[in-house]
Amino acid sequence: MVKFNKEGIELIRNKINSEELKNIGRLTPNSFTREIKMEFQKLMKYILNKKGLSTNMEINNFYNDNK
């Protein structure tokens, strides 16, 4: 189990919310430009928080935890 300190978690949070990471993740210049139900930052948090459950259970847990 990996333990993160406060600075490490803050660094990850800042990277996820940065425009730099969003630009790296874009396939085209128009990617991630609309406000949708799962914008880029939420998608990254969802991927990082996956626990190996079914996709349906993962999405339900993600939205229940992030209300």
PDB file of N, CA and C in Angstrom:
ATOM      1  N   MET A   1       0.833  -1.176   0.000  1.00  0.00           N
ATOM      2  CA  MET A   1       0.000   0.000   0.000  1.00  0.00           C
ATOM      3  C   MET A   1       0.880   1.242   0.000  1.00  0.00           C
ATOM      4  N   VAL A   2       0.616   2.140  -0.890  1.00  0.00           N
ATOM      5  CA  VAL A   2       1.380   3.379  -0.989  1.00  0.00           C
ATOM      6  C   VAL A   2       0.716   4.427  -0.109  1.00  0.00           C
ATOM      7  N   LYS A   3       1.523   5.073   0.711  1.00  0.00           N
ATOM      8  CA  LYS A   3       1.006   6.157   1.549  1.00  0.00           C
ATOM      9  C   LYS A   3       1.519   7.472   1.002  1.00  0.00           C
ATOM     10  N   PHE A   4       0.618   8.432   0.857  1.00  0.00           N
ATOM     11  CA  PHE A   4       0.986   9.743   0.351  1.00  0.00           C
ATOM     12  C   PHE A   4       0.942  10.747   1.484  1.00  0.00           C
ATOM     13  N   ASN A   5       1.872  11.657   1.475  1.00  0.00           N
ATOM     14  CA  ASN A   5       1.807  12.748   2.431  1.00  0.00           C
ATOM     15  C   ASN A   5       0.974  13.878   1.845  1.00  0.00           C
ATOM     16  N   LYS A   6       0.740  14.892   2.643  1.00  0.00           N
ATOM     17  CA  LYS A   6      -0.123  16.004   2.216  1.00  0.00           C
ATOM     18  C   LYS A   6       0.414  16.680   0.964  1.00  0.00           C
ATOM     19  N   GLU A   7       1.737  16.868   0.878  1.00  0.00           N
ATOM     20  CA  GLU A   7       2.336  17.525  -0.280  1.00  0.00           C
ATOM     21  C   GLU A   7       2.163  16.687  -1.547  1.00  0.00           C
ATOM     22  N   GLY A   8       2.293  15.374  -1.425  1.00  0.00           N
ATOM     23  CA  GLY A   8       2.130  14.486  -2.576  1.00  0.00           C
ATOM     24  C   GLY A   8       0.715  14.513  -3.123  1.00  0.00           C
ATOM     25  N   ILE A   9      -0.256  14.512  -2.221  1.00  0.00           N
ATOM     26  CA  ILE A   9      -1.651  14.566  -2.648  1.00  0.00           C
ATOM     27  C   ILE A   9      -1.948  15.912  -3.294  1.00  0.00           C
ATOM     28  N   GLU A  10      -1.419  16.981  -2.717  1.00  0.00           N
ATOM     29  CA  GLU A  10      -1.623  18.313  -3.287  1.00  0.00           C
ATOM     30  C   GLU A  10      -0.990  18.409  -4.671  1.00  0.00           C
ATOM     31  N   LEU A  11       0.184  17.805  -4.868  1.00  0.00           N
ATOM     32  CA  LEU A  11       0.847  17.796  -6.167  1.00  0.00           C
ATOM     33  C   LEU A  11      -0.011  17.075  -7.207  1.00  0.00           C
ATOM     34  N   ILE A  12      -0.566  15.927  -6.839  1.00  0.00           N
ATOM     35  CA  ILE A  12      -1.436  15.174  -7.749  1.00  0.00           C
ATOM     36  C   ILE A  12      -2.680  15.990  -8.080  1.00  0.00           C
ATOM     37  N   ARG A  13      -3.290  16.609  -7.066  1.00  0.00           N
ATOM     38  CA  ARG A  13      -4.485  17.438  -7.286  1.00  0.00           C
ATOM     39  C   ARG A  13      -4.183  18.586  -8.241  1.00  0.00           C
ATOM     40  N   ASN A  14      -3.038  19.244  -8.052  1.00  0.00           N
ATOM     41  CA  ASN A  14      -2.658  20.360  -8.925  1.00  0.00           C
ATOM     42  C   ASN A  14      -2.415  19.894 -10.357  1.00  0.00           C
ATOM     43  N   LYS A  15      -1.790  18.729 -10.521  1.00  0.00           N
ATOM     44  CA  LYS A  15      -1.556  18.186 -11.867  1.00  0.00           C
ATOM     45  C   LYS A  15      -2.868  17.868 -12.568  1.00  0.00           C
ATOM     46  N   ILE A  16      -3.801  17.241 -11.846  1.00  0.00           N
ATOM     47  CA  ILE A  16      -5.091  16.883 -12.436  1.00  0.00           C
ATOM     48  C   ILE A  16      -5.840  18.130 -12.887  1.00  0.00           C
ATOM     49  N   ASN A  17      -5.747  19.205 -12.121  1.00  0.00           N
ATOM     50  CA  ASN A  17      -6.483  20.429 -12.431  1.00  0.00           C
ATOM     51  C   ASN A  17      -5.732  21.358 -13.378  1.00  0.00           C
ATOM     52  N   SER A  18      -4.541  20.967 -13.815  1.00  0.00           N
ATOM     53  CA  SER A  18      -3.747  21.845 -14.674  1.00  0.00           C
ATOM     54  C   SER A  18      -4.176  21.757 -16.137  1.00  0.00           C
ATOM     55  N   GLU A  19      -4.028  22.860 -16.827  1.00  0.00           N
ATOM     56  CA  GLU A  19      -4.301  22.885 -18.269  1.00  0.00           C
ATOM     57  C   GLU A  19      -3.259  22.052 -19.021  1.00  0.00           C
ATOM     58  N   GLU A  20      -2.061  21.963 -18.469  1.00  0.00           N
ATOM     59  CA  GLU A  20      -0.991  21.196 -19.112  1.00  0.00           C
ATOM     60  C   GLU A  20      -1.393  19.732 -19.283  1.00  0.00           C
ATOM     61  N   LEU A  21      -1.925  19.115 -18.242  1.00  0.00           N
ATOM     62  CA  LEU A  21      -2.343  17.716 -18.326  1.00  0.00           C
ATOM     63  C   LEU A  21      -3.523  17.563 -19.281  1.00  0.00           C
ATOM     64  N   LYS A  22      -4.441  18.520 -19.248  1.00  0.00           N
ATOM     65  CA  LYS A  22      -5.581  18.474 -20.166  1.00  0.00           C
ATOM     66  C   LYS A  22      -5.099  18.535 -21.610  1.00  0.00           C
ATOM     67  N   ASN A  23      -4.110  19.383 -21.889  1.00  0.00           N
ATOM     68  CA  ASN A  23      -3.570  19.484 -23.251  1.00  0.00           C
ATOM     69  C   ASN A  23      -2.875  18.202 -23.678  1.00  0.00           C
ATOM     70  N   ILE A  24      -2.191  17.539 -22.755  1.00  0.00           N
ATOM     71  CA  ILE A  24      -1.539  16.263 -23.073  1.00  0.00           C
ATOM     72  C   ILE A  24      -2.586  15.207 -23.426  1.00  0.00           C
ATOM     73  N   GLY A  25      -3.729  15.227 -22.720  1.00  0.00           N
ATOM     74  CA  GLY A  25      -4.777  14.236 -22.931  1.00  0.00           C
ATOM     75  C   GLY A  25      -5.649  14.474 -24.147  1.00  0.00           C
ATOM     76  N   ARG A  26      -5.501  15.597 -24.796  1.00  0.00           N
ATOM     77  CA  ARG A  26      -6.346  15.916 -25.954  1.00  0.00           C
ATOM     78  C   ARG A  26      -5.881  15.179 -27.212  1.00  0.00           C
ATOM     79  N   LEU A  27      -6.829  14.579 -27.900  1.00  0.00           N
ATOM     80  CA  LEU A  27      -6.529  13.982 -29.198  1.00  0.00           C
ATOM     81  C   LEU A  27      -6.628  15.028 -30.297  1.00  0.00           C
ATOM     82  N   THR A  28      -7.553  15.973 -30.116  1.00  0.00           N
ATOM     83  CA  THR A  28      -7.727  17.079 -31.055  1.00  0.00           C
ATOM     84  C   THR A  28      -7.839  18.363 -30.236  1.00  0.00           C
ATOM     85  N   PRO A  29      -7.650  19.514 -30.854  1.00  0.00           N
ATOM     86  CA  PRO A  29      -7.768  20.778 -30.098  1.00  0.00           C
ATOM     87  C   PRO A  29      -9.150  20.995 -29.477  1.00  0.00           C
ATOM     88  N   ASN A  30     -10.172  20.344 -30.000  1.00  0.00           N
ATOM     89  CA  ASN A  30     -11.524  20.518 -29.474  1.00  0.00           C
ATOM     90  C   ASN A  30     -11.872  19.553 -28.347  1.00  0.00           C
ATOM     91  N   SER A  31     -10.992  18.610 -28.028  1.00  0.00           N
ATOM     92  CA  SER A  31     -11.268  17.644 -26.960  1.00  0.00           C
ATOM     93  C   SER A  31     -11.325  18.349 -25.610  1.00  0.00           C
ATOM     94  N   PHE A  32     -12.258  17.921 -24.761  1.00  0.00           N
ATOM     95  CA  PHE A  32     -12.428  18.437 -23.401  1.00  0.00           C
ATOM     96  C   PHE A  32     -12.709  19.931 -23.364  1.00  0.00           C
ATOM     97  N   THR A  33     -13.444  20.447 -24.337  1.00  0.00           N
ATOM     98  CA  THR A  33     -13.757  21.872 -24.334  1.00  0.00           C
ATOM     99  C   THR A  33     -15.185  22.136 -23.854  1.00  0.00           C
ATOM    100  N   ARG A  34     -16.069  21.153 -23.965  1.00  0.00           N
ATOM    101  CA  ARG A  34     -17.448  21.349 -23.515  1.00  0.00           C
ATOM    102  C   ARG A  34     -17.571  20.953 -22.048  1.00  0.00           C
ATOM    103  N   GLU A  35     -18.517  21.567 -21.373  1.00  0.00           N
ATOM    104  CA  GLU A  35     -18.842  21.156 -20.016  1.00  0.00           C
ATOM    105  C   GLU A  35     -19.829  20.001 -20.115  1.00  0.00           C
ATOM    106  N   ILE A  36     -19.411  18.833 -19.718  1.00  0.00           N
ATOM    107  CA  ILE A  36     -20.253  17.635 -19.770  1.00  0.00           C
ATOM    108  C   ILE A  36     -20.330  17.036 -18.377  1.00  0.00           C
ATOM    109  N   LYS A  37     -21.062  15.956 -18.221  1.00  0.00           N
ATOM    110  CA  LYS A  37     -21.243  15.366 -16.896  1.00  0.00           C
ATOM    111  C   LYS A  37     -19.930  14.888 -16.293  1.00  0.00           C
ATOM    112  N   MET A  38     -19.007  14.422 -17.123  1.00  0.00           N
ATOM    113  CA  MET A  38     -17.729  13.975 -16.590  1.00  0.00           C
ATOM    114  C   MET A  38     -16.621  14.697 -17.345  1.00  0.00           C
ATOM    115  N   GLU A  39     -16.324  15.910 -16.885  1.00  0.00           N
ATOM    116  CA  GLU A  39     -15.261  16.664 -17.525  1.00  0.00           C
ATOM    117  C   GLU A  39     -13.908  16.023 -17.209  1.00  0.00           C
ATOM    118  N   PHE A  40     -12.866  16.556 -17.771  1.00  0.00           N
ATOM    119  CA  PHE A  40     -11.540  15.944 -17.708  1.00  0.00           C
ATOM    120  C   PHE A  40     -11.086  15.670 -16.274  1.00  0.00           C
ATOM    121  N   GLN A  41     -11.241  16.643 -15.377  1.00  0.00           N
ATOM    122  CA  GLN A  41     -10.782  16.462 -14.005  1.00  0.00           C
ATOM    123  C   GLN A  41     -11.522  15.317 -13.315  1.00  0.00           C
ATOM    124  N   LYS A  42     -12.836  15.235 -13.511  1.00  0.00           N
ATOM    125  CA  LYS A  42     -13.606  14.142 -12.914  1.00  0.00           C
ATOM    126  C   LYS A  42     -13.200  12.802 -13.513  1.00  0.00           C
ATOM    127  N   LEU A  43     -12.955  12.785 -14.817  1.00  0.00           N
ATOM    128  CA  LEU A  43     -12.519  11.552 -15.469  1.00  0.00           C
ATOM    129  C   LEU A  43     -11.203  11.063 -14.882  1.00  0.00           C
ATOM    130  N   MET A  44     -10.255  11.967 -14.680  1.00  0.00           N
ATOM    131  CA  MET A  44      -8.964  11.590 -14.100  1.00  0.00           C
ATOM    132  C   MET A  44      -9.138  11.075 -12.669  1.00  0.00           C
ATOM    133  N   LYS A  45      -9.960  11.739 -11.879  1.00  0.00           N
ATOM    134  CA  LYS A  45     -10.205  11.294 -10.499  1.00  0.00           C
ATOM    135  C   LYS A  45     -10.889   9.928 -10.495  1.00  0.00           C
ATOM    136  N   TYR A  46     -11.822   9.717 -11.423  1.00  0.00           N
ATOM    137  CA  TYR A  46     -12.498   8.427 -11.532  1.00  0.00           C
ATOM    138  C   TYR A  46     -11.490   7.316 -11.842  1.00  0.00           C
ATOM    139  N   ILE A  47     -10.618   7.559 -12.807  1.00  0.00           N
ATOM    140  CA  ILE A  47      -9.622   6.549 -13.191  1.00  0.00           C
ATOM    141  C   ILE A  47      -8.694   6.231 -12.028  1.00  0.00           C
ATOM    142  N   LEU A  48      -8.239   7.262 -11.321  1.00  0.00           N
ATOM    143  CA  LEU A  48      -7.315   7.052 -10.203  1.00  0.00           C
ATOM    144  C   LEU A  48      -7.973   6.367  -9.010  1.00  0.00           C
ATOM    145  N   ASN A  49      -9.287   6.475  -8.878  1.00  0.00           N
ATOM    146  CA  ASN A  49      -9.983   5.889  -7.729  1.00  0.00           C
ATOM    147  C   ASN A  49     -10.596   4.525  -8.003  1.00  0.00           C
ATOM    148  N   LYS A  50     -10.397   3.975  -9.208  1.00  0.00           N
ATOM    149  CA  LYS A  50     -10.986   2.673  -9.534  1.00  0.00           C
ATOM    150  C   LYS A  50     -10.459   1.599  -8.596  1.00  0.00           C
ATOM    151  N   LYS A  51     -11.349   0.682  -8.222  1.00  0.00           N
ATOM    152  CA  LYS A  51     -10.992  -0.372  -7.282  1.00  0.00           C
ATOM    153  C   LYS A  51     -11.127  -1.775  -7.879  1.00  0.00           C
ATOM    154  N   GLY A  52     -11.448  -1.868  -9.177  1.00  0.00           N
ATOM    155  CA  GLY A  52     -11.552  -3.170  -9.814  1.00  0.00           C
ATOM    156  C   GLY A  52     -12.960  -3.736  -9.844  1.00  0.00           C
ATOM    157  N   LEU A  53     -13.948  -2.919  -9.527  1.00  0.00           N
ATOM    158  CA  LEU A  53     -15.336  -3.358  -9.588  1.00  0.00           C
ATOM    159  C   LEU A  53     -15.847  -3.219 -11.012  1.00  0.00           C
ATOM    160  N   SER A  54     -17.111  -3.555 -11.220  1.00  0.00           N
ATOM    161  CA  SER A  54     -17.700  -3.365 -12.543  1.00  0.00           C
ATOM    162  C   SER A  54     -17.790  -1.866 -12.823  1.00  0.00           C
ATOM    163  N   THR A  55     -17.851  -1.507 -14.089  1.00  0.00           N
ATOM    164  CA  THR A  55     -17.921  -0.096 -14.466  1.00  0.00           C
ATOM    165  C   THR A  55     -19.131   0.573 -13.836  1.00  0.00           C
ATOM    166  N   ASN A  56     -20.268  -0.101 -13.856  1.00  0.00           N
ATOM    167  CA  ASN A  56     -21.483   0.465 -13.274  1.00  0.00           C
ATOM    168  C   ASN A  56     -21.296   0.739 -11.779  1.00  0.00           C
ATOM    169  N   MET A  57     -20.739  -0.209 -11.053  1.00  0.00           N
ATOM    170  CA  MET A  57     -20.518  -0.021  -9.620  1.00  0.00           C
ATOM    171  C   MET A  57     -19.490   1.079  -9.367  1.00  0.00           C
ATOM    172  N   GLU A  58     -18.434   1.133 -10.185  1.00  0.00           N
ATOM    173  CA  GLU A  58     -17.404   2.165 -10.032  1.00  0.00           C
ATOM    174  C   GLU A  58     -18.006   3.557 -10.215  1.00  0.00           C
ATOM    175  N   ILE A  59     -18.830   3.737 -11.248  1.00  0.00           N
ATOM    176  CA  ILE A  59     -19.436   5.053 -11.507  1.00  0.00           C
ATOM    177  C   ILE A  59     -20.403   5.415 -10.385  1.00  0.00           C
ATOM    178  N   ASN A  60     -21.218   4.464  -9.946  1.00  0.00           N
ATOM    179  CA  ASN A  60     -22.135   4.744  -8.831  1.00  0.00           C
ATOM    180  C   ASN A  60     -21.370   5.148  -7.580  1.00  0.00           C
ATOM    181  N   ASN A  61     -20.313   4.416  -7.248  1.00  0.00           N
ATOM    182  CA  ASN A  61     -19.508   4.741  -6.066  1.00  0.00           C
ATOM    183  C   ASN A  61     -18.852   6.109  -6.220  1.00  0.00           C
ATOM    184  N   PHE A  62     -18.342   6.395  -7.400  1.00  0.00           N
ATOM    185  CA  PHE A  62     -17.671   7.670  -7.636  1.00  0.00           C
ATOM    186  C   PHE A  62     -18.624   8.838  -7.412  1.00  0.00           C
ATOM    187  N   TYR A  63     -19.809   8.769  -7.999  1.00  0.00           N
ATOM    188  CA  TYR A  63     -20.760   9.871  -7.834  1.00  0.00           C
ATOM    189  C   TYR A  63     -21.348   9.941  -6.449  1.00  0.00           C
ATOM    190  N   ASN A  64     -21.498   8.809  -5.761  1.00  0.00           N
ATOM    191  CA  ASN A  64     -21.990   8.832  -4.383  1.00  0.00           C
ATOM    192  C   ASN A  64     -20.946   9.438  -3.445  1.00  0.00           C
ATOM    193  N   ASP A  65     -19.673   9.189  -3.697  1.00  0.00           N
ATOM    194  CA  ASP A  65     -18.596   9.722  -2.865  1.00  0.00           C
ATOM    195  C   ASP A  65     -18.313  11.190  -3.142  1.00  0.00           C
ATOM    196  N   ASN A  66     -18.676  11.701  -4.317  1.00  0.00           N
ATOM    197  CA  ASN A  66     -18.345  13.074  -4.709  1.00  0.00           C
ATOM    198  C   ASN A  66     -19.560  13.981  -4.784  1.00  0.00           C
ATOM    199  N   LYS A  67     -20.517  13.788  -3.905  1.00  0.00           N
ATOM    200  CA  LYS A  67     -21.717  14.647  -3.896  1.00  0.00           C
ATOM    201  C   LYS A  67     -21.416  15.952  -3.225  1.00  0.00           C
TER     202      LYS A  67
END
